[in-house]
Amino acid sequence: MKQKQNMLYKVLSISLFLGIGVILLPLCSNPQNKPVKELLEKTDLSLKTIQNVAYKIYKTEKSFTSRDTVINTAICSLYIEPKDKDGMLYSIDATLPEKNSLWHEVYDGNQAFYAIINKDSEKYSNKFNFYTVKTKDDIIGSYSSNFLCSNFFDRSQVFTEKSDLNTMKISEEVHKNIPVYVLTVIGDDYGDSDDRISNTIDKYYIRKSDYLPIAYSFYGEFQGMKQYEFVDIEYISINSDLSPNDFKVYSKADEVDFKKLYDDNKDLVLNETNSPASNVKNNKSEGQKKVNYAKVPYESLALNNGKNLKLSDMKGKVVLLDFWYRGCLPCLKATPELIKLQEKYKDDLVIIGINDTDDKEQVTDYYNYKKVNYYSTYSKDIHIAKELNINAFPTFIILDKKGDLIQKIEGFKKDKIENVIIESIKG
């Protein structure tokens, strides 16, 4: 499936996965930045030892034209071909934004197969395609390339770009309890005139134990819009007993067990059918859709100020739960509007900001700086967002005066949120 990319996509591809083209390039000698040069060389050598790799990838991103931050996941397996074949075999299973949908794609070196698998009750519908691969461009579609991390793992790629080591710096951090080197690259502007992406910053998180990348982040600006992404890589296996035989492309659709493919990867799927936000019913008396949610999984919430808040004590008032984190620009833009809503409906509305990601100090500092007038809770342990199947940020959940969860809204849609609040206050 050969995909034609317009100029903007080409520009984005260069910036979003500048990738190891920066990390693994043949470096010119530069005695002024020896630590960076040594880190790049060690990472290069470490990646060259990989013959095959399986990993789970978590991708958080907000595109230039989107208001919301989206989280997607995928499981990928790569088999690195010998250098003379210039490529790699792969299998990928990834979430899709559509409800209950999974993307499956596999490439065996000659042919590729992809399918979009949807589940509706116990019926599996699908869209699939087989195609013969003539060039590598035929197999790297815009969706699958977001997860394959080919710039990290395809050691047959020739890295010929030159880069100024003085634009890079190294710091040391602990990322998810793992000691890492963080290589920060202040990038050049990409593209010409109206297609230019500016103020780009790439960060590569290199595990100290083996010099393998385990995370990547990007930030850039384009025509007044901002884009960012964060990628986490969780290694499942490296140089295991994977072989080319494990990358099978079916010859006809009758051979494909779509149900098995779906069930094997159902933990990846953004499955709202099984989420607490499912099972929508009509409330005829009010003309409003009522959602039969599971209850919020935690009755008592630990607030930033050290006190506890019991949701049962909030009955009689409408409760708005704001799921956010500090790296989410749309979340931050919603804060001043939430402050206004809390003030406007202060007698009938309780807003609670819920942050499962950042540290207490980070959350408290931000709320103090913004002079937030509503409650805030945080926890890295209880994961309320995960238990409510929240995969996009910001997301807002509204509880009516009885404490029932009646609405889930992804993205800050002020008018919609306010209308639900007004209707709920009226009861």
Protein backbone atom coordinates (compact mmCIF):
# COMPACT_ATOMS: atom_id res chain seq x y z
CA MET A 1 0.00 0.00 0.00
CA LYS A 2 1.95 2.88 -1.29
CA GLN A 3 1.01 6.05 0.52
CA LYS A 4 1.59 9.46 -0.98
CA GLN A 5 2.61 12.01 1.59
CA ASN A 6 2.16 15.75 1.09
CA MET A 7 4.85 18.26 1.88
CA LEU A 8 3.62 18.90 5.41
CA TYR A 9 3.71 15.22 6.29
CA LYS A 10 7.26 14.95 4.97
CA VAL A 11 8.25 17.88 7.14
CA LEU A 12 6.56 16.34 10.19
CA SER A 13 8.19 12.98 9.56
CA ILE A 14 11.62 14.57 9.60
CA SER A 15 10.96 16.38 12.86
CA LEU A 16 8.98 13.75 14.75
CA PHE A 17 11.47 10.98 14.21
CA LEU A 18 14.65 12.81 13.62
CA GLY A 19 15.38 9.71 15.58
CA ILE A 20 18.50 7.89 15.69
CA GLY A 21 19.48 9.67 12.48
CA VAL A 22 20.81 12.11 15.07
CA ILE A 23 21.90 9.49 17.57
CA LEU A 24 23.43 7.01 15.15
CA LEU A 25 25.09 9.23 12.60
CA PRO A 26 28.78 8.85 11.72
CA LEU A 27 30.11 11.64 13.84
CA CYS A 28 32.75 14.07 12.87
CA SER A 29 35.46 14.53 15.41
CA ASN A 30 34.58 17.28 17.84
CA PRO A 31 36.76 17.47 20.93
CA GLN A 32 34.59 20.25 22.36
CA ASN A 33 31.74 17.83 23.15
CA LYS A 34 33.40 14.53 23.86
CA PRO A 35 30.73 13.21 26.31
CA VAL A 36 28.00 13.53 23.66
CA LYS A 37 30.15 11.84 21.04
CA GLU A 38 30.90 8.96 23.38
CA LEU A 39 27.22 8.51 24.26
CA LEU A 40 26.22 8.44 20.60
CA GLU A 41 28.90 5.90 19.77
CA LYS A 42 27.90 3.62 22.65
CA THR A 43 24.23 3.83 21.68
CA ASP A 44 25.15 3.08 18.08
CA LEU A 45 27.10 -0.03 19.12
CA SER A 46 24.30 -1.20 21.41
CA LEU A 47 21.65 -0.91 18.71
CA LYS A 48 23.83 -2.74 16.23
CA THR A 49 23.73 -5.83 18.44
CA ILE A 50 19.97 -6.17 17.97
CA GLN A 51 18.94 -8.92 15.58
CA ASN A 52 15.30 -8.96 16.63
CA VAL A 53 13.24 -7.12 19.21
CA ALA A 54 9.70 -7.16 20.58
CA TYR A 55 8.42 -4.18 22.54
CA LYS A 56 5.33 -2.39 23.75
CA ILE A 57 5.12 1.27 22.93
CA TYR A 58 3.08 3.99 24.62
CA LYS A 59 2.61 7.12 22.55
CA THR A 60 1.19 10.37 23.90
CA GLU A 61 0.77 13.15 21.36
CA LYS A 62 -0.97 16.32 20.35
CA SER A 63 -0.73 17.23 16.69
CA PHE A 64 -0.48 20.77 15.37
CA THR A 65 -4.12 20.87 14.29
CA SER A 66 -5.62 19.02 17.27
CA ARG A 67 -6.92 20.48 20.52
CA ASP A 68 -6.56 17.30 22.54
CA THR A 69 -3.83 15.00 23.75
CA VAL A 70 -4.27 11.37 22.72
CA ILE A 71 -2.68 8.23 24.11
CA ASN A 72 -2.21 5.13 21.93
CA THR A 73 -0.42 1.84 22.48
CA ALA A 74 1.01 -0.88 20.28
CA ILE A 75 2.97 -4.12 20.43
CA CYS A 76 5.64 -4.46 17.75
CA SER A 77 8.02 -7.22 16.73
CA LEU A 78 10.95 -6.53 14.41
CA TYR A 79 13.35 -8.92 12.72
CA ILE A 80 16.42 -7.15 11.38
CA GLU A 81 17.43 -8.49 7.98
CA PRO A 82 21.06 -8.81 6.88
CA LYS A 83 22.59 -5.59 5.65
CA ASP A 84 22.51 -6.66 2.02
CA LYS A 85 18.70 -6.90 2.14
CA ASP A 86 18.31 -3.40 3.54
CA GLY A 87 15.21 -3.79 5.64
CA MET A 88 13.40 -5.57 8.40
CA LEU A 89 10.39 -7.80 8.86
CA TYR A 90 7.75 -6.65 11.28
CA SER A 91 4.44 -7.30 12.96
CA ILE A 92 2.40 -4.60 14.64
CA ASP A 93 -0.85 -4.52 16.62
CA ALA A 94 -1.99 -1.05 17.60
CA THR A 95 -4.98 0.82 18.92
CA LEU A 96 -7.08 2.95 16.63
CA PRO A 97 -9.07 6.04 17.63
CA GLU A 98 -12.30 4.37 16.52
CA LYS A 99 -14.29 2.54 19.15
CA ASN A 100 -13.28 -1.12 19.68
CA SER A 101 -10.81 -1.05 16.78
CA LEU A 102 -7.43 -2.70 16.32
CA TRP A 103 -4.88 -2.23 13.54
CA HIS A 104 -2.95 -5.39 12.59
CA GLU A 105 -0.13 -5.32 10.05
CA VAL A 106 2.59 -7.80 9.13
CA TYR A 107 5.39 -7.75 6.54
CA ASP A 108 7.43 -10.83 5.54
CA GLY A 109 10.02 -9.20 3.29
CA ASN A 110 8.00 -9.55 0.09
CA GLN A 111 4.36 -9.11 0.90
CA ALA A 112 2.42 -7.17 3.48
CA PHE A 113 -1.02 -7.57 4.97
CA TYR A 114 -3.03 -5.18 7.09
CA ALA A 115 -6.44 -5.32 8.67
CA ILE A 116 -8.66 -3.04 10.69
CA ILE A 117 -10.53 -5.28 13.10
CA ASN A 118 -13.65 -4.04 14.84
CA LYS A 119 -15.68 -5.82 17.47
CA ASP A 120 -19.43 -5.31 17.68
CA SER A 121 -20.80 -7.62 20.36
CA GLU A 122 -19.50 -11.03 19.23
CA LYS A 123 -19.39 -10.15 15.56
CA TYR A 124 -16.02 -9.24 14.07
CA SER A 125 -16.09 -7.02 11.03
CA ASN A 126 -12.91 -6.11 9.22
CA LYS A 127 -11.26 -4.25 6.41
CA PHE A 128 -8.16 -5.91 5.05
CA ASN A 129 -5.71 -5.74 2.17
CA PHE A 130 -2.78 -7.70 0.74
CA TYR A 131 -0.09 -6.10 -1.35
CA THR A 132 3.26 -6.87 -2.89
CA VAL A 133 6.09 -4.67 -1.67
CA LYS A 134 8.35 -3.16 -4.30
CA THR A 135 10.12 -0.51 -2.22
CA LYS A 136 10.36 0.23 1.50
CA ASP A 137 8.13 3.25 0.96
CA ASP A 138 5.30 0.85 0.13
CA ILE A 139 5.20 -0.59 3.64
CA ILE A 140 5.76 2.39 5.92
CA GLY A 141 2.33 3.94 6.15
CA SER A 142 1.71 7.04 8.22
CA TYR A 143 -0.03 5.10 11.00
CA SER A 144 2.24 2.10 11.44
CA SER A 145 5.39 4.19 11.14
CA ASN A 146 4.35 6.02 14.30
CA PHE A 147 4.91 2.82 16.25
CA LEU A 148 7.60 0.83 14.44
CA CYS A 149 10.47 3.00 15.70
CA SER A 150 12.36 1.95 12.59
CA ASN A 151 14.77 4.84 13.01
CA PHE A 152 15.84 3.30 16.30
CA PHE A 153 16.08 -0.34 15.31
CA ASP A 154 16.82 -0.62 11.60
CA ARG A 155 20.59 -0.89 11.79
CA SER A 156 20.82 -1.33 8.00
CA GLN A 157 19.90 2.31 7.56
CA VAL A 158 22.84 4.45 6.47
CA PHE A 159 23.20 7.45 8.73
CA THR A 160 25.05 10.01 6.69
CA GLU A 161 23.71 13.27 8.11
CA LYS A 162 26.14 15.63 9.74
CA SER A 163 25.19 17.31 12.99
CA ASP A 164 26.76 19.88 15.24
CA LEU A 165 27.53 18.24 18.56
CA ASN A 166 27.39 21.64 20.21
CA THR A 167 23.60 21.68 19.69
CA MET A 168 23.35 18.67 22.02
CA LYS A 169 23.67 18.32 25.76
CA ILE A 170 23.52 15.43 28.20
CA SER A 171 21.80 15.28 31.56
CA GLU A 172 21.12 12.42 33.95
CA GLU A 173 17.70 11.50 35.27
CA VAL A 174 15.65 8.62 36.60
CA HIS A 175 12.84 7.73 34.20
CA LYS A 176 10.22 5.38 35.68
CA ASN A 177 12.75 4.14 38.24
CA ILE A 178 15.36 3.55 35.51
CA PRO A 179 18.61 5.60 35.49
CA VAL A 180 19.00 7.24 32.10
CA TYR A 181 21.08 9.68 30.13
CA VAL A 182 18.90 12.34 28.52
CA LEU A 183 20.27 13.63 25.24
CA THR A 184 18.64 16.97 24.38
CA VAL A 185 18.90 18.19 20.80
CA ILE A 186 18.00 21.77 19.95
CA GLY A 187 16.96 21.41 16.34
CA ASP A 188 17.15 23.59 13.28
CA ASP A 189 14.02 24.88 11.61
CA TYR A 190 12.62 22.39 9.09
CA GLY A 191 11.05 23.27 5.74
CA ASP A 192 10.71 26.48 3.82
CA SER A 193 8.45 29.52 4.19
CA ASP A 194 4.96 28.43 5.28
CA ASP A 195 6.04 24.81 5.88
CA ARG A 196 8.69 25.68 8.46
CA ILE A 197 8.64 23.97 11.83
CA SER A 198 10.50 26.00 14.42
CA ASN A 199 11.75 25.83 18.01
CA THR A 200 12.12 22.06 17.88
CA ILE A 201 13.47 20.15 20.84
CA ASP A 202 14.13 16.40 20.73
CA LYS A 203 15.00 14.39 23.82
CA TYR A 204 16.29 10.81 23.84
CA TYR A 205 16.24 8.81 27.07
CA ILE A 206 19.10 6.29 26.96
CA ARG A 207 19.16 3.52 29.55
CA LYS A 208 22.46 3.56 31.44
CA SER A 209 22.63 -0.20 31.85
CA ASP A 210 22.85 -1.03 28.13
CA TYR A 211 22.70 2.28 26.21
CA LEU A 212 19.36 1.46 24.58
CA PRO A 213 16.71 4.15 24.03
CA ILE A 214 13.64 3.70 26.24
CA ALA A 215 11.83 6.98 25.62
CA TYR A 216 11.68 9.88 23.21
CA SER A 217 10.02 13.30 23.25
CA PHE A 218 9.49 16.02 20.67
CA TYR A 219 8.25 19.60 20.75
CA GLY A 220 7.83 21.94 17.80
CA GLU A 221 5.85 24.94 16.55
CA PHE A 222 4.21 25.44 13.17
CA GLN A 223 2.27 28.51 12.02
CA GLY A 224 1.41 29.46 15.59
CA MET A 225 0.40 25.90 16.53
CA LYS A 226 2.26 23.58 18.89
CA GLN A 227 2.90 19.89 18.63
CA TYR A 228 4.40 17.52 21.14
CA GLU A 229 4.70 13.82 21.68
CA PHE A 230 6.18 11.45 24.19
CA VAL A 231 7.06 7.83 23.41
CA ASP A 232 7.82 5.19 26.01
CA ILE A 233 9.32 1.85 24.96
CA GLU A 234 8.87 -1.20 27.15
CA TYR A 235 11.13 -4.01 25.94
CA ILE A 236 9.50 -7.45 25.88
CA SER A 237 12.44 -9.36 24.40
CA ILE A 238 15.73 -8.68 22.61
CA ASN A 239 17.48 -11.25 20.40
CA SER A 240 15.05 -14.01 21.30
CA ASP A 241 14.19 -17.04 19.14
CA LEU A 242 12.17 -14.99 16.64
CA SER A 243 12.73 -16.09 13.03
CA PRO A 244 11.41 -15.02 9.61
CA ASN A 245 8.83 -17.79 9.92
CA ASP A 246 7.14 -15.81 12.68
CA PHE A 247 6.22 -13.07 10.21
CA LYS A 248 3.56 -14.81 8.16
CA VAL A 249 1.51 -12.99 5.56
CA TYR A 250 -1.72 -14.77 4.76
CA SER A 251 -2.42 -15.64 1.13
CA LYS A 252 -6.19 -15.13 1.44
CA ALA A 253 -8.63 -13.70 3.93
CA ASP A 254 -10.12 -17.12 4.74
CA GLU A 255 -6.89 -17.99 6.55
CA VAL A 256 -7.13 -15.05 8.94
CA ASP A 257 -8.56 -15.69 12.38
CA PHE A 258 -9.69 -12.14 13.11
CA LYS A 259 -11.26 -13.11 16.41
CA LYS A 260 -7.98 -14.56 17.68
CA LEU A 261 -6.02 -11.52 16.52
CA TYR A 262 -8.45 -9.26 18.36
CA ASP A 263 -8.60 -11.34 21.52
CA ASP A 264 -4.81 -11.70 21.70
CA ASN A 265 -4.47 -7.91 21.76
CA LYS A 266 -7.72 -6.79 23.37
CA ASP A 267 -5.84 -5.20 26.26
CA LEU A 268 -4.58 -2.62 23.76
CA VAL A 269 -7.96 -1.69 22.41
CA LEU A 270 -9.71 1.46 23.53
CA ASN A 271 -12.76 -0.63 24.30
CA GLU A 272 -15.50 1.69 25.47
CA THR A 273 -17.97 -1.19 25.37
CA ASN A 274 -16.36 -2.59 28.51
CA SER A 275 -15.50 0.75 30.06
CA PRO A 276 -17.32 2.44 32.91
CA ALA A 277 -18.49 5.00 30.35
CA SER A 278 -20.59 2.52 28.39
CA ASN A 279 -24.20 1.49 28.17
CA VAL A 280 -25.93 4.73 27.25
CA LYS A 281 -29.67 4.87 28.03
CA ASN A 282 -32.26 7.55 27.34
CA ASN A 283 -33.70 9.47 30.27
CA LYS A 284 -37.15 10.25 28.87
CA SER A 285 -38.23 12.54 31.68
CA GLU A 286 -35.36 14.95 31.13
CA GLY A 287 -34.63 14.27 27.49
CA GLN A 288 -30.99 13.77 28.51
CA LYS A 289 -28.80 10.75 27.89
CA LYS A 290 -27.90 9.02 31.11
CA VAL A 291 -24.80 6.87 31.24
CA ASN A 292 -24.78 3.78 33.41
CA TYR A 293 -21.20 4.14 34.62
CA ALA A 294 -19.49 2.15 37.27
CA LYS A 295 -18.89 4.29 40.32
CA VAL A 296 -15.73 6.34 40.64
CA PRO A 297 -13.34 3.67 41.96
CA TYR A 298 -12.29 5.69 45.02
CA GLU A 299 -14.79 7.23 47.42
CA SER A 300 -12.15 9.20 49.32
CA LEU A 301 -9.69 11.39 47.40
CA ALA A 302 -6.43 12.73 48.85
CA LEU A 303 -6.21 16.45 48.15
CA ASN A 304 -3.09 18.53 47.63
CA ASN A 305 -3.72 20.36 50.87
CA GLY A 306 -3.37 17.13 52.85
CA LYS A 307 -7.08 16.69 53.51
CA ASN A 308 -9.40 14.00 52.20
CA LEU A 309 -12.54 14.63 50.19
CA LYS A 310 -15.42 12.16 50.25
CA LEU A 311 -17.52 12.13 47.10
CA SER A 312 -20.55 11.06 49.14
CA ASP A 313 -20.31 14.38 50.97
CA MET A 314 -20.74 16.17 47.64
CA LYS A 315 -24.26 14.86 47.03
CA GLY A 316 -26.60 17.73 46.35
CA LYS A 317 -23.99 19.36 44.14
CA VAL A 318 -22.80 18.69 40.60
CA VAL A 319 -19.23 17.36 40.50
CA LEU A 320 -16.87 17.90 37.56
CA LEU A 321 -13.77 15.71 37.48
CA ASP A 322 -10.95 17.14 35.37
CA PHE A 323 -8.35 14.53 34.30
CA TRP A 324 -5.16 16.32 33.31
CA TYR A 325 -1.36 16.40 33.53
CA ARG A 326 1.21 19.18 33.22
CA GLY A 327 2.65 18.12 29.87
CA CYS A 328 -0.77 18.42 28.21
CA LEU A 329 -1.09 21.89 26.68
CA PRO A 330 -4.86 21.63 26.08
CA CYS A 331 -5.22 20.66 29.76
CA LEU A 332 -3.36 23.78 30.83
CA LYS A 333 -5.43 25.99 28.56
CA ALA A 334 -8.59 24.65 30.21
CA THR A 335 -7.49 25.70 33.71
CA PRO A 336 -8.50 29.41 33.58
CA GLU A 337 -11.88 28.46 32.09
CA LEU A 338 -12.47 25.96 34.89
CA ILE A 339 -11.65 28.68 37.41
CA LYS A 340 -14.39 30.81 35.83
CA LEU A 341 -16.88 27.94 35.90
CA GLN A 342 -16.17 27.25 39.58
CA GLU A 343 -16.73 30.90 40.45
CA LYS A 344 -19.85 31.20 38.31
CA TYR A 345 -21.56 28.13 39.80
CA LYS A 346 -19.86 28.10 43.20
CA ASP A 347 -23.06 27.29 45.12
CA ASP A 348 -23.91 24.22 43.02
CA LEU A 349 -20.67 22.97 41.46
CA VAL A 350 -17.58 21.21 42.79
CA ILE A 351 -14.62 20.87 40.43
CA ILE A 352 -11.87 18.38 41.25
CA GLY A 353 -8.67 18.25 39.23
CA ILE A 354 -7.32 14.67 39.09
CA ASN A 355 -3.69 14.11 38.16
CA ASP A 356 -2.32 10.54 38.12
CA THR A 357 0.97 11.50 36.50
CA ASP A 358 2.84 14.40 38.09
CA ASP A 359 4.37 14.72 41.53
CA LYS A 360 2.51 16.47 44.35
CA GLU A 361 4.92 19.41 44.29
CA GLN A 362 4.47 19.91 40.55
CA VAL A 363 0.68 19.89 40.83
CA THR A 364 0.68 22.18 43.87
CA ASP A 365 3.11 24.68 42.31
CA TYR A 366 1.02 24.89 39.14
CA TYR A 367 -2.26 25.35 40.99
CA ASN A 368 -0.75 28.00 43.27
CA TYR A 369 0.66 29.85 40.26
CA LYS A 370 -2.73 29.83 38.53
CA LYS A 371 -4.58 30.66 41.78
CA VAL A 372 -6.92 27.75 41.22
CA ASN A 373 -10.13 27.99 43.24
CA TYR A 374 -11.18 24.33 43.07
CA TYR A 375 -10.02 21.05 44.59
CA SER A 376 -7.05 19.10 43.32
CA THR A 377 -6.01 15.51 43.91
CA TYR A 378 -3.09 13.52 42.63
CA SER A 379 -1.84 9.96 42.86
CA LYS A 380 0.65 7.83 41.01
CA ASP A 381 -0.64 4.74 42.77
CA ILE A 382 -4.42 4.57 42.46
CA HIS A 383 -4.74 5.46 38.75
CA ILE A 384 -8.34 6.68 38.67
CA ALA A 385 -7.94 7.64 35.00
CA LYS A 386 -6.90 4.12 34.05
CA GLU A 387 -9.74 2.51 35.97
CA LEU A 388 -12.23 4.78 34.22
CA ASN A 389 -10.64 3.90 30.85
CA ILE A 390 -9.55 7.46 30.11
CA ASN A 391 -7.19 7.53 27.14
CA ALA A 392 -7.32 11.16 26.00
CA PHE A 393 -6.48 14.32 27.91
CA PRO A 394 -8.09 16.43 29.07
CA THR A 395 -11.17 14.35 29.83
CA PHE A 396 -14.05 15.53 32.00
CA ILE A 397 -16.49 13.33 33.90
CA ILE A 398 -19.62 14.86 35.40
CA LEU A 399 -21.53 13.49 38.40
CA ASP A 400 -25.09 14.66 39.01
CA LYS A 401 -26.50 15.72 42.38
CA LYS A 402 -27.16 12.08 43.30
CA GLY A 403 -23.53 11.15 42.68
CA ASP A 404 -24.26 9.24 39.45
CA LEU A 405 -21.79 9.59 36.58
CA ILE A 406 -23.79 10.99 33.69
CA GLN A 407 -21.33 12.31 31.13
CA LYS A 408 -17.81 11.79 29.79
CA ILE A 409 -16.38 14.52 27.56
CA GLU A 410 -12.98 14.22 25.84
CA GLY A 411 -11.29 17.53 25.12
CA PHE A 412 -12.24 20.87 26.65
CA LYS A 413 -15.57 21.70 25.03
CA LYS A 414 -16.61 24.57 27.27
CA ASP A 415 -20.13 25.10 25.96
CA LYS A 416 -20.97 21.41 26.11
CA ILE A 417 -19.57 21.06 29.63
CA GLU A 418 -21.40 24.13 30.85
CA ASN A 419 -24.70 22.99 29.32
CA VAL A 420 -24.45 19.62 31.12
CA ILE A 421 -23.65 21.44 34.37
CA ILE A 422 -26.68 23.74 33.98
CA GLU A 423 -29.04 20.85 33.19
CA SER A 424 -27.69 18.87 36.14
CA ILE A 425 -28.10 21.81 38.52
CA LYS A 426 -31.72 22.18 37.44
CA GLY A 427 -32.14 18.47 38.17
